[in-house]
Amino acid sequence: MFNYTVATNYYITKLQKKQEERLQKMIEEEEIRMLRKEMVPKAQLMPFFDRPFLPQRLVWS
C-alpha cells in the first residue's frame, strides 16, 4: 500500500509539473506574438512645415 501511495504521489506531481510547463510555454508564445506585433513598423504623419528652415552662419568670437 505504501508503494502505491508513493507511486501515485509521484505520478500526480509529474502531471502537475508537465501542466505547469505547458502553461509556461503558452504564456511565452503569447508574449513573443505580442512583441512581434509591436515591432511591425507603422506609418507616421508628415510633420507640418509652417516656417521654412533658414540656415544662418555661425559667428565665432
C-alpha atoms as a PDB file:
ATOM      1  CA  MET A   1       0.000   0.000   0.000  1.00  0.00           C
ATOM      2  CA  PHE A   2       2.867   2.373   0.812  1.00  0.00           C
ATOM      3  CA  ASN A   3       4.449   1.835  -2.609  1.00  0.00           C
ATOM      4  CA  TYR A   4       1.106   2.552  -4.257  1.00  0.00           C
ATOM      5  CA  THR A   5       0.687   5.901  -2.461  1.00  0.00           C
ATOM      6  CA  VAL A   6       4.290   6.887  -3.244  1.00  0.00           C
ATOM      7  CA  ALA A   7       3.781   5.980  -6.911  1.00  0.00           C
ATOM      8  CA  THR A   8       0.500   7.897  -7.157  1.00  0.00           C
ATOM      9  CA  ASN A   9       2.018  10.962  -5.459  1.00  0.00           C
ATOM     10  CA  TYR A  10       4.973  10.804  -7.862  1.00  0.00           C
ATOM     11  CA  TYR A  11       2.616  10.460 -10.842  1.00  0.00           C
ATOM     12  CA  ILE A  12       0.438  13.388  -9.688  1.00  0.00           C
ATOM     13  CA  THR A  13       3.494  15.559  -9.110  1.00  0.00           C
ATOM     14  CA  LYS A  14       4.791  14.640 -12.548  1.00  0.00           C
ATOM     15  CA  LEU A  15       1.444  15.560 -14.167  1.00  0.00           C
ATOM     16  CA  GLN A  16       1.324  18.884 -12.327  1.00  0.00           C
ATOM     17  CA  LYS A  17       4.859  19.737 -13.406  1.00  0.00           C
ATOM     18  CA  LYS A  18       4.049  18.843 -17.011  1.00  0.00           C
ATOM     19  CA  GLN A  19       0.928  21.020 -16.948  1.00  0.00           C
ATOM     20  CA  GLU A  20       2.869  23.955 -15.432  1.00  0.00           C
ATOM     21  CA  GLU A  21       5.496  23.639 -18.173  1.00  0.00           C
ATOM     22  CA  ARG A  22       2.770  23.579 -20.839  1.00  0.00           C
ATOM     23  CA  LEU A  23       1.144  26.671 -19.340  1.00  0.00           C
ATOM     24  CA  GLN A  24       4.500  28.486 -19.145  1.00  0.00           C
ATOM     25  CA  LYS A  25       5.193  27.626 -22.794  1.00  0.00           C
ATOM     26  CA  MET A  26       1.795  29.015 -23.847  1.00  0.00           C
ATOM     27  CA  ILE A  27       2.452  32.243 -21.915  1.00  0.00           C
ATOM     28  CA  GLU A  28       5.883  32.648 -23.537  1.00  0.00           C
ATOM     29  CA  GLU A  29       4.446  32.053 -27.011  1.00  0.00           C
ATOM     30  CA  GLU A  30       1.767  34.690 -26.383  1.00  0.00           C
ATOM     31  CA  GLU A  31       4.408  37.179 -25.193  1.00  0.00           C
ATOM     32  CA  ILE A  32       6.510  36.518 -28.305  1.00  0.00           C
ATOM     33  CA  ARG A  33       3.465  37.034 -30.516  1.00  0.00           C
ATOM     34  CA  MET A  34       2.699  40.348 -28.794  1.00  0.00           C
ATOM     35  CA  LEU A  35       6.320  41.526 -29.124  1.00  0.00           C
ATOM     36  CA  ARG A  36       6.347  40.686 -32.828  1.00  0.00           C
ATOM     37  CA  LYS A  37       3.075  42.532 -33.287  1.00  0.00           C
ATOM     38  CA  GLU A  38       4.528  45.622 -31.591  1.00  0.00           C
ATOM     39  CA  MET A  39       7.641  45.528 -33.787  1.00  0.00           C
ATOM     40  CA  VAL A  40       5.693  45.944 -37.043  1.00  0.00           C
ATOM     41  CA  PRO A  41       6.605  49.365 -38.447  1.00  0.00           C
ATOM     42  CA  LYS A  42       3.712  51.772 -38.721  1.00  0.00           C
ATOM     43  CA  ALA A  43       3.374  54.814 -40.961  1.00  0.00           C
ATOM     44  CA  GLN A  44       3.814  58.226 -39.374  1.00  0.00           C
ATOM     45  CA  LEU A  45       2.314  61.504 -40.469  1.00  0.00           C
ATOM     46  CA  MET A  46       4.492  64.054 -42.185  1.00  0.00           C
ATOM     47  CA  PRO A  47       5.382  66.997 -39.942  1.00  0.00           C
ATOM     48  CA  PHE A  48       3.958  70.424 -40.751  1.00  0.00           C
ATOM     49  CA  PHE A  49       6.488  72.870 -42.135  1.00  0.00           C
ATOM     50  CA  ASP A  50       4.924  76.205 -41.206  1.00  0.00           C
ATOM     51  CA  ARG A  51       8.226  78.059 -41.195  1.00  0.00           C
ATOM     52  CA  PRO A  52      10.891  77.252 -43.735  1.00  0.00           C
ATOM     53  CA  PHE A  53      14.324  76.419 -42.368  1.00  0.00           C
ATOM     54  CA  LEU A  54      16.743  79.303 -42.893  1.00  0.00           C
ATOM     55  CA  PRO A  55      20.306  78.302 -42.090  1.00  0.00           C
ATOM     56  CA  GLN A  56      22.465  81.031 -40.561  1.00  0.00           C
ATOM     57  CA  ARG A  57      26.214  81.311 -40.440  1.00  0.00           C
ATOM     58  CA  LEU A  58      27.855  80.730 -37.107  1.00  0.00           C
ATOM     59  CA  VAL A  59      29.944  83.643 -35.954  1.00  0.00           C
ATOM     60  CA  TRP A  60      32.972  82.635 -33.925  1.00  0.00           C
ATOM     61  CA  SER A  61      34.083  85.191 -31.408  1.00  0.00           C
END
